[in-house]
C-alpha cells in the first residue's frame, strides 16, 4: 500500500522546483489522480494571462502541453487563447456544456511566503483563482496545481508584474513535464 492511499482526501503536496525526490512524490500522486479518472474526459485548465510575467505560468503550461498532443487530454488556456479573469466563467460553462462529468485539474500561478517561492503544489479539491489578488472568481477543478511565483501580501499586481520570467519558465517546464509523464504513465498502463 502506498503512502498516498493512507492520506485523507484533502491532501496537499508541495515540492520545490529543484527538489527531485519531492517532485517524484508529486508525480506519483498525479498518476493516481489520472488513474482514478481514467474513464472520464480529462481536462487541464491553465489559468492566467501573458500580460503579466508572474501570471503567465498557466498559459505557458497550456502551450507546452498542447504542443505535446497527448492522446485524449484536453488543454484549455494557452498563450494563443488564455483563460483569465474575464473569460473564466464562460470557459467553465463551455466545458460543462461540452463534456459529461469531465475530470478537471486547474493550474495557476499564486503568491506565497518568501520561503515557498519556486514551489509547486498539488491539492485535492477546486482551485480558487484570483484569491491572491483579491478577485472573486468561480472555483474550478477536482484537483489543482499551483506554482508559487513570488511573495504575496502587499501590492500583489505589482509583484506579479515584476516576477522573474526565468522562474516562471522553469516552473512551467517542470509542471508540464510532471503532468505529461503522469498522464502518459496512466494512459498506457
N, C-alpha and C. Protein backbone atom coordinates (compact mmCIF):
# COMPACT_ATOMS: atom_id res chain seq x y z
N UNK A 1 0.86 -1.18 0.00
CA UNK A 1 0.00 0.00 0.00
C UNK A 1 0.90 1.24 0.00
N UNK A 2 0.59 2.15 -0.86
CA UNK A 2 1.43 3.34 -0.98
C UNK A 2 1.10 4.35 0.12
N UNK A 3 2.02 5.24 0.37
CA UNK A 3 1.84 6.32 1.34
C UNK A 3 0.62 7.15 1.00
N UNK A 4 0.40 7.39 -0.30
CA UNK A 4 -0.67 8.28 -0.72
C UNK A 4 -2.05 7.70 -0.45
N UNK A 5 -2.18 6.37 -0.46
CA UNK A 5 -3.50 5.80 -0.20
C UNK A 5 -3.88 5.90 1.27
N UNK A 6 -2.93 6.21 2.12
CA UNK A 6 -3.20 6.34 3.55
C UNK A 6 -3.61 7.75 3.95
N UNK A 7 -3.40 8.70 3.06
CA UNK A 7 -3.66 10.10 3.37
C UNK A 7 -5.12 10.42 3.09
N UNK A 8 -5.73 11.26 3.95
CA UNK A 8 -7.13 11.61 3.74
C UNK A 8 -7.33 12.39 2.44
N UNK A 9 -8.58 12.57 2.05
CA UNK A 9 -8.88 13.07 0.72
C UNK A 9 -8.44 14.50 0.44
N UNK A 10 -8.23 15.34 1.43
CA UNK A 10 -7.84 16.72 1.16
C UNK A 10 -6.32 16.88 1.24
N UNK A 11 -5.65 16.04 0.54
CA UNK A 11 -4.21 16.00 0.55
C UNK A 11 -3.61 17.17 -0.25
N UNK A 12 -2.46 17.66 0.22
CA UNK A 12 -1.73 18.70 -0.49
C UNK A 12 -0.25 18.34 -0.45
N UNK A 13 0.36 18.35 -1.61
CA UNK A 13 1.79 18.04 -1.73
C UNK A 13 2.49 19.28 -2.25
N UNK A 14 3.65 19.57 -1.69
CA UNK A 14 4.42 20.73 -2.12
C UNK A 14 5.85 20.28 -2.42
N UNK A 15 6.36 20.73 -3.56
CA UNK A 15 7.72 20.36 -3.96
C UNK A 15 8.40 21.56 -4.59
N UNK A 16 9.62 21.84 -4.15
CA UNK A 16 10.38 22.91 -4.79
C UNK A 16 10.79 22.44 -6.19
N UNK A 17 10.86 23.37 -7.10
CA UNK A 17 11.16 23.08 -8.50
C UNK A 17 12.51 22.36 -8.65
N UNK A 18 13.43 22.50 -7.70
CA UNK A 18 14.73 21.85 -7.77
C UNK A 18 14.83 20.58 -6.92
N UNK A 19 13.75 20.18 -6.26
CA UNK A 19 13.76 19.03 -5.35
C UNK A 19 13.19 17.81 -6.06
N UNK A 20 14.06 17.02 -6.67
CA UNK A 20 13.61 15.88 -7.47
C UNK A 20 12.87 14.81 -6.67
N UNK A 21 13.33 14.42 -5.46
CA UNK A 21 12.56 13.43 -4.69
C UNK A 21 11.14 13.92 -4.36
N UNK A 22 10.99 15.18 -4.01
CA UNK A 22 9.66 15.72 -3.71
C UNK A 22 8.80 15.78 -4.97
N UNK A 23 9.41 16.13 -6.10
CA UNK A 23 8.66 16.15 -7.36
C UNK A 23 8.22 14.74 -7.76
N UNK A 24 9.01 13.72 -7.41
CA UNK A 24 8.62 12.34 -7.71
C UNK A 24 7.36 11.96 -6.93
N UNK A 25 7.23 12.42 -5.70
CA UNK A 25 6.01 12.18 -4.92
C UNK A 25 4.83 12.89 -5.56
N UNK A 26 5.06 14.09 -6.02
CA UNK A 26 4.01 14.85 -6.68
C UNK A 26 3.57 14.12 -7.96
N UNK A 27 4.53 13.64 -8.72
CA UNK A 27 4.22 12.91 -9.96
C UNK A 27 3.44 11.63 -9.66
N UNK A 28 3.80 10.95 -8.59
CA UNK A 28 3.09 9.74 -8.21
C UNK A 28 1.64 10.04 -7.86
N UNK A 29 1.41 11.12 -7.14
CA UNK A 29 0.04 11.50 -6.78
C UNK A 29 -0.75 11.90 -8.03
N UNK A 30 -0.11 12.62 -8.93
CA UNK A 30 -0.77 12.98 -10.19
C UNK A 30 -1.19 11.72 -10.95
N UNK A 31 -0.31 10.73 -11.00
CA UNK A 31 -0.63 9.46 -11.67
C UNK A 31 -1.84 8.81 -11.04
N UNK A 32 -1.91 8.84 -9.71
CA UNK A 32 -3.07 8.27 -9.01
C UNK A 32 -4.35 9.01 -9.40
N UNK A 33 -4.27 10.33 -9.48
CA UNK A 33 -5.45 11.12 -9.86
C UNK A 33 -5.89 10.78 -11.28
N UNK A 34 -4.94 10.72 -12.20
CA UNK A 34 -5.28 10.38 -13.59
C UNK A 34 -5.87 8.97 -13.67
N UNK A 35 -5.29 8.06 -12.92
CA UNK A 35 -5.78 6.68 -12.94
C UNK A 35 -7.22 6.59 -12.40
N UNK A 36 -7.49 7.32 -11.33
CA UNK A 36 -8.83 7.27 -10.73
C UNK A 36 -9.90 7.84 -11.66
N UNK A 37 -9.49 8.69 -12.61
CA UNK A 37 -10.44 9.34 -13.52
C UNK A 37 -10.31 8.83 -14.95
N UNK A 38 -9.71 7.67 -15.14
CA UNK A 38 -9.37 7.20 -16.49
C UNK A 38 -10.57 6.96 -17.39
N UNK A 39 -11.76 6.79 -16.86
CA UNK A 39 -12.94 6.57 -17.70
C UNK A 39 -13.67 7.87 -18.01
N UNK A 40 -13.13 8.99 -17.58
CA UNK A 40 -13.74 10.31 -17.80
C UNK A 40 -12.83 11.15 -18.69
N UNK A 41 -13.42 12.13 -19.35
CA UNK A 41 -12.62 13.08 -20.14
C UNK A 41 -11.76 13.90 -19.19
N UNK A 42 -10.46 13.92 -19.44
CA UNK A 42 -9.54 14.68 -18.59
C UNK A 42 -9.22 16.01 -19.24
N UNK A 43 -9.31 17.06 -18.44
CA UNK A 43 -9.06 18.42 -18.91
C UNK A 43 -8.07 19.09 -17.97
N UNK A 44 -7.05 19.70 -18.56
CA UNK A 44 -6.14 20.55 -17.81
C UNK A 44 -6.54 21.98 -18.14
N UNK A 45 -6.98 22.72 -17.12
CA UNK A 45 -7.44 24.10 -17.29
C UNK A 45 -6.36 25.03 -16.74
N UNK A 46 -5.63 25.66 -17.64
CA UNK A 46 -4.50 26.51 -17.28
C UNK A 46 -4.96 27.97 -17.25
N UNK A 47 -4.91 28.57 -16.08
CA UNK A 47 -5.47 29.90 -15.88
C UNK A 47 -4.35 30.94 -15.76
N UNK A 48 -4.55 32.09 -16.40
CA UNK A 48 -3.58 33.17 -16.30
C UNK A 48 -3.56 33.99 -17.58
N UNK A 49 -2.67 34.96 -17.60
CA UNK A 49 -2.56 35.85 -18.75
C UNK A 49 -1.10 36.11 -19.07
N UNK A 50 -0.82 36.31 -20.35
CA UNK A 50 0.55 36.62 -20.74
C UNK A 50 0.86 38.11 -20.61
N UNK A 51 -0.08 38.88 -20.08
CA UNK A 51 0.13 40.31 -19.89
C UNK A 51 0.82 40.63 -18.57
N UNK A 52 1.10 39.61 -17.79
CA UNK A 52 1.79 39.76 -16.51
C UNK A 52 2.77 38.59 -16.38
N UNK A 53 4.03 38.88 -16.17
CA UNK A 53 5.04 37.83 -16.12
C UNK A 53 4.68 36.74 -15.13
N UNK A 54 4.33 37.11 -13.91
CA UNK A 54 4.01 36.12 -12.89
C UNK A 54 2.78 35.31 -13.21
N UNK A 55 1.81 35.94 -13.83
CA UNK A 55 0.55 35.28 -14.12
C UNK A 55 0.59 34.50 -15.43
N UNK A 56 1.71 34.49 -16.12
CA UNK A 56 1.84 33.77 -17.39
C UNK A 56 2.12 32.28 -17.19
N UNK A 57 2.27 31.85 -15.97
CA UNK A 57 2.58 30.43 -15.72
C UNK A 57 1.55 29.51 -16.36
N UNK A 58 0.27 29.75 -16.11
CA UNK A 58 -0.78 28.89 -16.67
C UNK A 58 -0.75 28.81 -18.19
N UNK A 59 -0.78 29.95 -18.89
CA UNK A 59 -0.73 29.89 -20.36
C UNK A 59 0.55 29.24 -20.91
N UNK A 60 1.67 29.41 -20.24
CA UNK A 60 2.90 28.74 -20.68
C UNK A 60 2.75 27.23 -20.56
N UNK A 61 2.21 26.76 -19.45
CA UNK A 61 1.99 25.33 -19.26
C UNK A 61 1.01 24.81 -20.30
N UNK A 62 -0.08 25.53 -20.51
CA UNK A 62 -1.07 25.12 -21.51
C UNK A 62 -0.48 25.00 -22.89
N UNK A 63 0.36 25.96 -23.26
CA UNK A 63 1.01 25.93 -24.58
C UNK A 63 1.94 24.73 -24.68
N UNK A 64 2.75 24.49 -23.66
CA UNK A 64 3.68 23.36 -23.69
C UNK A 64 2.93 22.03 -23.78
N UNK A 65 1.85 21.89 -22.99
CA UNK A 65 1.08 20.64 -23.05
C UNK A 65 0.38 20.47 -24.39
N UNK A 66 -0.15 21.55 -24.94
CA UNK A 66 -0.83 21.48 -26.24
C UNK A 66 0.11 21.01 -27.34
N UNK A 67 1.33 21.45 -27.28
CA UNK A 67 2.32 21.07 -28.31
C UNK A 67 2.68 19.59 -28.23
N UNK A 68 2.51 18.98 -27.05
CA UNK A 68 2.82 17.56 -26.90
C UNK A 68 1.75 16.67 -27.52
N UNK A 69 0.56 17.22 -27.74
CA UNK A 69 -0.56 16.47 -28.34
C UNK A 69 -0.76 15.12 -27.63
N UNK A 70 -0.93 15.19 -26.31
CA UNK A 70 -1.14 13.98 -25.53
C UNK A 70 -2.50 13.37 -25.88
N UNK A 71 -2.56 12.05 -26.05
CA UNK A 71 -3.80 11.41 -26.51
C UNK A 71 -4.95 11.61 -25.52
N UNK A 72 -6.05 12.09 -26.02
CA UNK A 72 -7.30 12.27 -25.29
C UNK A 72 -7.20 13.20 -24.07
N UNK A 73 -6.18 14.02 -24.01
CA UNK A 73 -6.06 15.02 -22.95
C UNK A 73 -6.40 16.38 -23.55
N UNK A 74 -7.39 17.04 -22.98
CA UNK A 74 -7.77 18.36 -23.46
C UNK A 74 -7.12 19.43 -22.60
N UNK A 75 -6.64 20.47 -23.26
CA UNK A 75 -5.98 21.57 -22.57
C UNK A 75 -6.71 22.86 -22.92
N UNK A 76 -7.09 23.60 -21.91
CA UNK A 76 -7.68 24.93 -22.08
C UNK A 76 -6.73 25.92 -21.42
N UNK A 77 -6.49 27.05 -22.11
CA UNK A 77 -5.65 28.10 -21.57
C UNK A 77 -4.23 28.02 -22.09
N UNK A 78 -3.96 28.73 -23.18
CA UNK A 78 -2.64 28.76 -23.79
C UNK A 78 -2.25 30.21 -24.03
N UNK A 79 -1.04 30.43 -24.52
CA UNK A 79 -0.63 31.79 -24.86
C UNK A 79 -1.50 32.36 -25.98
N UNK A 80 -1.90 31.51 -26.95
CA UNK A 80 -2.76 31.95 -28.05
C UNK A 80 -4.19 32.21 -27.60
N UNK A 81 -4.66 31.44 -26.64
CA UNK A 81 -6.05 31.50 -26.21
C UNK A 81 -6.11 31.36 -24.68
N UNK A 82 -5.70 32.40 -23.96
CA UNK A 82 -5.63 32.28 -22.49
C UNK A 82 -7.00 32.25 -21.82
N UNK A 83 -7.04 31.61 -20.66
CA UNK A 83 -8.21 31.62 -19.79
C UNK A 83 -7.84 32.47 -18.59
N UNK A 84 -8.57 33.58 -18.41
CA UNK A 84 -8.23 34.55 -17.36
C UNK A 84 -9.50 35.07 -16.71
N UNK A 85 -9.37 36.06 -15.87
CA UNK A 85 -10.50 36.55 -15.06
C UNK A 85 -11.73 36.92 -15.89
N UNK A 86 -11.53 37.49 -17.07
CA UNK A 86 -12.69 37.97 -17.84
C UNK A 86 -13.40 36.88 -18.64
N UNK A 87 -12.75 35.73 -18.87
CA UNK A 87 -13.42 34.67 -19.64
C UNK A 87 -13.50 33.34 -18.90
N UNK A 88 -13.10 33.31 -17.64
CA UNK A 88 -13.10 32.05 -16.89
C UNK A 88 -14.50 31.46 -16.76
N UNK A 89 -15.48 32.28 -16.38
CA UNK A 89 -16.85 31.77 -16.23
C UNK A 89 -17.37 31.17 -17.54
N UNK A 90 -17.13 31.86 -18.65
CA UNK A 90 -17.58 31.37 -19.96
C UNK A 90 -16.87 30.06 -20.32
N UNK A 91 -15.59 29.97 -20.03
CA UNK A 91 -14.83 28.76 -20.35
C UNK A 91 -15.35 27.58 -19.53
N UNK A 92 -15.60 27.80 -18.26
CA UNK A 92 -16.15 26.74 -17.42
C UNK A 92 -17.50 26.28 -17.97
N UNK A 93 -18.31 27.21 -18.41
CA UNK A 93 -19.63 26.86 -18.97
C UNK A 93 -19.48 26.06 -20.26
N UNK A 94 -18.55 26.44 -21.12
CA UNK A 94 -18.29 25.70 -22.35
C UNK A 94 -17.89 24.26 -22.02
N UNK A 95 -17.02 24.09 -21.03
CA UNK A 95 -16.58 22.75 -20.63
C UNK A 95 -17.78 21.95 -20.10
N UNK A 96 -18.58 22.56 -19.25
CA UNK A 96 -19.76 21.86 -18.70
C UNK A 96 -20.75 21.46 -19.80
N UNK A 97 -20.92 22.34 -20.79
CA UNK A 97 -21.86 22.05 -21.88
C UNK A 97 -21.32 21.01 -22.86
N UNK A 98 -20.00 20.86 -22.92
CA UNK A 98 -19.38 20.01 -23.93
C UNK A 98 -19.04 18.60 -23.46
N UNK A 99 -18.87 18.39 -22.16
CA UNK A 99 -18.38 17.11 -21.67
C UNK A 99 -19.21 16.66 -20.47
N UNK A 100 -19.47 15.36 -20.41
CA UNK A 100 -20.21 14.79 -19.30
C UNK A 100 -19.26 14.48 -18.16
N UNK A 101 -19.43 15.15 -17.05
CA UNK A 101 -18.62 14.94 -15.84
C UNK A 101 -17.12 14.84 -16.13
N UNK A 102 -16.53 15.86 -16.73
CA UNK A 102 -15.09 15.79 -17.00
C UNK A 102 -14.28 15.86 -15.71
N UNK A 103 -13.10 15.30 -15.76
CA UNK A 103 -12.15 15.39 -14.65
C UNK A 103 -11.23 16.57 -14.96
N UNK A 104 -11.31 17.62 -14.14
CA UNK A 104 -10.57 18.85 -14.40
C UNK A 104 -9.49 19.04 -13.35
N UNK A 105 -8.28 19.27 -13.83
CA UNK A 105 -7.20 19.74 -12.97
C UNK A 105 -6.93 21.18 -13.37
N UNK A 106 -7.14 22.10 -12.44
CA UNK A 106 -6.90 23.52 -12.69
C UNK A 106 -5.46 23.85 -12.32
N UNK A 107 -4.83 24.70 -13.12
CA UNK A 107 -3.43 25.08 -12.91
C UNK A 107 -3.33 26.60 -12.94
N UNK A 108 -2.60 27.17 -11.98
CA UNK A 108 -2.49 28.63 -11.91
C UNK A 108 -1.23 29.01 -11.14
N UNK A 109 -0.81 30.24 -11.35
CA UNK A 109 0.27 30.81 -10.55
C UNK A 109 -0.34 31.32 -9.24
N UNK A 110 0.48 31.42 -8.22
CA UNK A 110 -0.01 32.04 -6.99
C UNK A 110 1.16 32.72 -6.28
N UNK A 111 0.80 33.52 -5.31
CA UNK A 111 1.78 34.19 -4.47
C UNK A 111 1.80 33.50 -3.12
N UNK A 112 2.94 33.54 -2.46
CA UNK A 112 3.06 32.84 -1.18
C UNK A 112 4.11 33.47 -0.30
N UNK A 113 4.57 32.69 0.66
CA UNK A 113 5.62 33.16 1.56
C UNK A 113 6.97 33.14 0.85
N UNK A 114 7.88 33.93 1.34
CA UNK A 114 9.22 34.03 0.73
C UNK A 114 9.89 32.66 0.62
N UNK A 115 9.76 31.82 1.65
CA UNK A 115 10.43 30.52 1.62
C UNK A 115 9.71 29.49 0.75
N UNK A 116 8.57 29.84 0.18
CA UNK A 116 7.85 28.93 -0.71
C UNK A 116 7.97 29.29 -2.19
N UNK A 117 8.62 30.40 -2.49
CA UNK A 117 8.79 30.79 -3.90
C UNK A 117 9.55 29.69 -4.63
N UNK A 118 9.03 29.31 -5.77
CA UNK A 118 9.64 28.22 -6.54
C UNK A 118 9.04 26.86 -6.24
N UNK A 119 8.02 26.83 -5.39
CA UNK A 119 7.38 25.56 -5.05
C UNK A 119 6.16 25.31 -5.93
N UNK A 120 5.94 24.04 -6.20
CA UNK A 120 4.79 23.56 -6.94
C UNK A 120 3.91 22.84 -5.94
N UNK A 121 2.61 23.11 -5.97
CA UNK A 121 1.70 22.39 -5.09
C UNK A 121 0.69 21.61 -5.92
N UNK A 122 0.26 20.52 -5.36
CA UNK A 122 -0.83 19.71 -5.93
C UNK A 122 -1.77 19.42 -4.78
N UNK A 123 -3.03 19.76 -4.95
CA UNK A 123 -4.01 19.55 -3.89
C UNK A 123 -5.31 19.02 -4.45
N UNK A 124 -5.99 18.24 -3.65
CA UNK A 124 -7.34 17.80 -3.99
C UNK A 124 -8.28 18.98 -3.83
N UNK A 125 -9.37 18.94 -4.57
CA UNK A 125 -10.38 19.98 -4.46
C UNK A 125 -10.16 21.11 -5.45
N UNK A 126 -11.13 22.01 -5.49
CA UNK A 126 -11.10 23.07 -6.50
C UNK A 126 -10.07 24.17 -6.22
N UNK A 127 -9.64 24.80 -7.29
CA UNK A 127 -8.78 25.98 -7.23
C UNK A 127 -9.67 27.20 -7.03
N UNK A 128 -9.17 28.15 -6.27
CA UNK A 128 -9.85 29.44 -6.11
C UNK A 128 -9.01 30.50 -6.82
N UNK A 129 -9.18 30.61 -8.15
CA UNK A 129 -8.36 31.56 -8.90
C UNK A 129 -8.64 32.99 -8.48
N UNK A 130 -7.60 33.79 -8.52
CA UNK A 130 -7.74 35.21 -8.21
C UNK A 130 -7.69 35.54 -6.73
N UNK A 131 -7.65 34.54 -5.86
CA UNK A 131 -7.68 34.80 -4.42
C UNK A 131 -6.48 35.64 -3.98
N UNK A 132 -5.33 35.41 -4.59
CA UNK A 132 -4.12 36.15 -4.20
C UNK A 132 -4.16 37.62 -4.55
N UNK A 133 -5.02 37.99 -5.49
CA UNK A 133 -5.14 39.39 -5.88
C UNK A 133 -6.55 39.92 -5.55
N UNK A 134 -7.21 39.22 -4.63
CA UNK A 134 -8.49 39.65 -4.07
C UNK A 134 -9.60 39.75 -5.11
N UNK A 135 -9.61 38.81 -6.06
CA UNK A 135 -10.69 38.73 -7.05
C UNK A 135 -11.60 37.57 -6.67
N UNK A 136 -12.88 37.74 -6.86
CA UNK A 136 -13.86 36.69 -6.59
C UNK A 136 -14.21 36.01 -7.92
N UNK A 137 -13.60 34.85 -8.16
CA UNK A 137 -13.83 34.08 -9.38
C UNK A 137 -14.35 32.70 -9.00
N UNK A 138 -15.01 32.02 -9.93
CA UNK A 138 -15.57 30.71 -9.59
C UNK A 138 -14.48 29.67 -9.32
N UNK A 139 -14.75 28.82 -8.33
CA UNK A 139 -13.86 27.69 -8.06
C UNK A 139 -13.97 26.71 -9.22
N UNK A 140 -12.88 26.00 -9.47
CA UNK A 140 -12.89 25.04 -10.57
C UNK A 140 -11.89 23.92 -10.31
N UNK A 141 -12.28 22.71 -10.71
CA UNK A 141 -11.39 21.55 -10.65
C UNK A 141 -11.70 20.60 -9.53
N UNK A 142 -11.39 19.34 -9.77
CA UNK A 142 -11.44 18.33 -8.71
C UNK A 142 -10.11 18.25 -8.00
N UNK A 143 -9.08 18.75 -8.68
CA UNK A 143 -7.74 18.87 -8.11
C UNK A 143 -7.13 20.12 -8.73
N UNK A 144 -6.08 20.62 -8.12
CA UNK A 144 -5.43 21.80 -8.69
C UNK A 144 -3.94 21.81 -8.39
N UNK A 145 -3.23 22.46 -9.30
CA UNK A 145 -1.79 22.66 -9.14
C UNK A 145 -1.53 24.15 -9.17
N UNK A 146 -0.60 24.58 -8.33
CA UNK A 146 -0.18 25.97 -8.36
C UNK A 146 1.34 26.04 -8.37
N UNK A 147 1.83 27.12 -8.93
CA UNK A 147 3.24 27.43 -8.88
C UNK A 147 3.39 28.73 -8.11
N UNK A 148 4.12 28.70 -7.02
CA UNK A 148 4.31 29.89 -6.20
C UNK A 148 5.44 30.70 -6.82
N UNK A 149 5.06 31.79 -7.50
CA UNK A 149 6.00 32.53 -8.33
C UNK A 149 6.62 33.73 -7.64
N UNK A 150 6.01 34.19 -6.54
CA UNK A 150 6.56 35.36 -5.86
C UNK A 150 5.89 35.49 -4.49
N UNK A 151 6.31 36.48 -3.74
CA UNK A 151 5.81 36.70 -2.39
C UNK A 151 4.50 37.47 -2.42
N UNK A 152 3.57 37.09 -1.57
CA UNK A 152 2.28 37.76 -1.51
C UNK A 152 2.14 38.61 -0.26
N UNK A 153 1.04 39.36 -0.22
CA UNK A 153 0.73 40.13 0.97
C UNK A 153 0.75 41.63 0.79
N UNK A 154 1.36 42.12 -0.29
CA UNK A 154 1.46 43.57 -0.47
C UNK A 154 1.60 43.89 -1.95
N UNK A 155 0.75 44.74 -2.47
CA UNK A 155 0.81 45.19 -3.87
C UNK A 155 0.93 44.01 -4.84
N UNK A 156 -0.03 43.10 -4.74
CA UNK A 156 0.03 41.84 -5.49
C UNK A 156 0.17 42.03 -6.99
N UNK A 157 -0.57 42.97 -7.58
CA UNK A 157 -0.47 43.18 -9.03
C UNK A 157 0.94 43.61 -9.43
N UNK A 158 1.53 44.48 -8.65
CA UNK A 158 2.90 44.94 -8.94
C UNK A 158 3.89 43.79 -8.78
N UNK A 159 3.68 42.97 -7.77
CA UNK A 159 4.56 41.82 -7.54
C UNK A 159 4.49 40.86 -8.73
N UNK A 160 3.27 40.57 -9.21
CA UNK A 160 3.13 39.68 -10.36
C UNK A 160 3.81 40.26 -11.60
N UNK A 161 3.68 41.57 -11.79
CA UNK A 161 4.31 42.23 -12.95
C UNK A 161 5.84 42.14 -12.88
N UNK A 162 6.38 42.09 -11.68
CA UNK A 162 7.84 42.12 -11.50
C UNK A 162 8.43 40.77 -11.11
N UNK A 163 7.73 39.72 -11.45
CA UNK A 163 8.23 38.37 -11.20
C UNK A 163 9.23 37.99 -12.28
N UNK A 164 10.27 37.28 -11.90
CA UNK A 164 11.30 36.90 -12.86
C UNK A 164 10.77 35.86 -13.86
N UNK A 165 10.91 36.16 -15.13
CA UNK A 165 10.47 35.25 -16.18
C UNK A 165 11.23 33.93 -16.10
N UNK A 166 12.49 33.95 -15.72
CA UNK A 166 13.29 32.74 -15.63
C UNK A 166 12.62 31.73 -14.68
N UNK A 167 12.15 32.18 -13.53
CA UNK A 167 11.49 31.28 -12.58
C UNK A 167 10.17 30.75 -13.16
N UNK A 168 9.40 31.64 -13.75
CA UNK A 168 8.10 31.23 -14.32
C UNK A 168 8.33 30.20 -15.43
N UNK A 169 9.30 30.43 -16.28
CA UNK A 169 9.60 29.50 -17.36
C UNK A 169 10.05 28.14 -16.81
N UNK A 170 10.95 28.16 -15.84
CA UNK A 170 11.45 26.92 -15.24
C UNK A 170 10.31 26.14 -14.59
N UNK A 171 9.43 26.84 -13.90
CA UNK A 171 8.30 26.18 -13.26
C UNK A 171 7.33 25.61 -14.32
N UNK A 172 7.12 26.35 -15.40
CA UNK A 172 6.20 25.87 -16.44
C UNK A 172 6.75 24.59 -17.08
N UNK A 173 8.04 24.54 -17.32
CA UNK A 173 8.64 23.33 -17.89
C UNK A 173 8.49 22.15 -16.94
N UNK A 174 8.73 22.39 -15.66
CA UNK A 174 8.62 21.32 -14.66
C UNK A 174 7.19 20.82 -14.52
N UNK A 175 6.24 21.73 -14.42
CA UNK A 175 4.84 21.32 -14.25
C UNK A 175 4.33 20.61 -15.50
N UNK A 176 4.65 21.12 -16.68
CA UNK A 176 4.26 20.46 -17.92
C UNK A 176 4.82 19.04 -17.99
N UNK A 177 6.06 18.90 -17.60
CA UNK A 177 6.70 17.59 -17.61
C UNK A 177 6.05 16.64 -16.61
N UNK A 178 5.76 17.14 -15.42
CA UNK A 178 5.09 16.30 -14.41
C UNK A 178 3.73 15.83 -14.90
N UNK A 179 2.97 16.73 -15.47
CA UNK A 179 1.64 16.38 -15.97
C UNK A 179 1.75 15.37 -17.11
N UNK A 180 2.61 15.64 -18.08
CA UNK A 180 2.69 14.76 -19.26
C UNK A 180 3.19 13.36 -18.88
N UNK A 181 4.22 13.27 -18.04
CA UNK A 181 4.73 11.96 -17.64
C UNK A 181 3.68 11.18 -16.85
N UNK A 182 3.01 11.85 -15.92
CA UNK A 182 1.98 11.18 -15.12
C UNK A 182 0.84 10.71 -15.99
N UNK A 183 0.41 11.56 -16.90
CA UNK A 183 -0.70 11.23 -17.77
C UNK A 183 -0.35 10.04 -18.67
N UNK A 184 0.80 10.11 -19.32
CA UNK A 184 1.20 9.03 -20.23
C UNK A 184 1.41 7.72 -19.48
N UNK A 185 1.96 7.80 -18.28
CA UNK A 185 2.15 6.60 -17.46
C UNK A 185 0.82 5.91 -17.20
N UNK A 186 -0.20 6.68 -16.94
CA UNK A 186 -1.53 6.15 -16.67
C UNK A 186 -2.22 5.73 -17.97
N UNK A 187 -2.09 6.52 -19.01
CA UNK A 187 -2.77 6.26 -20.28
C UNK A 187 -2.34 4.92 -20.90
N UNK A 188 -1.07 4.62 -20.82
CA UNK A 188 -0.55 3.42 -21.46
C UNK A 188 -0.47 2.22 -20.54
N UNK A 189 -0.99 2.35 -19.31
CA UNK A 189 -0.98 1.19 -18.38
C UNK A 189 -2.35 0.86 -17.90
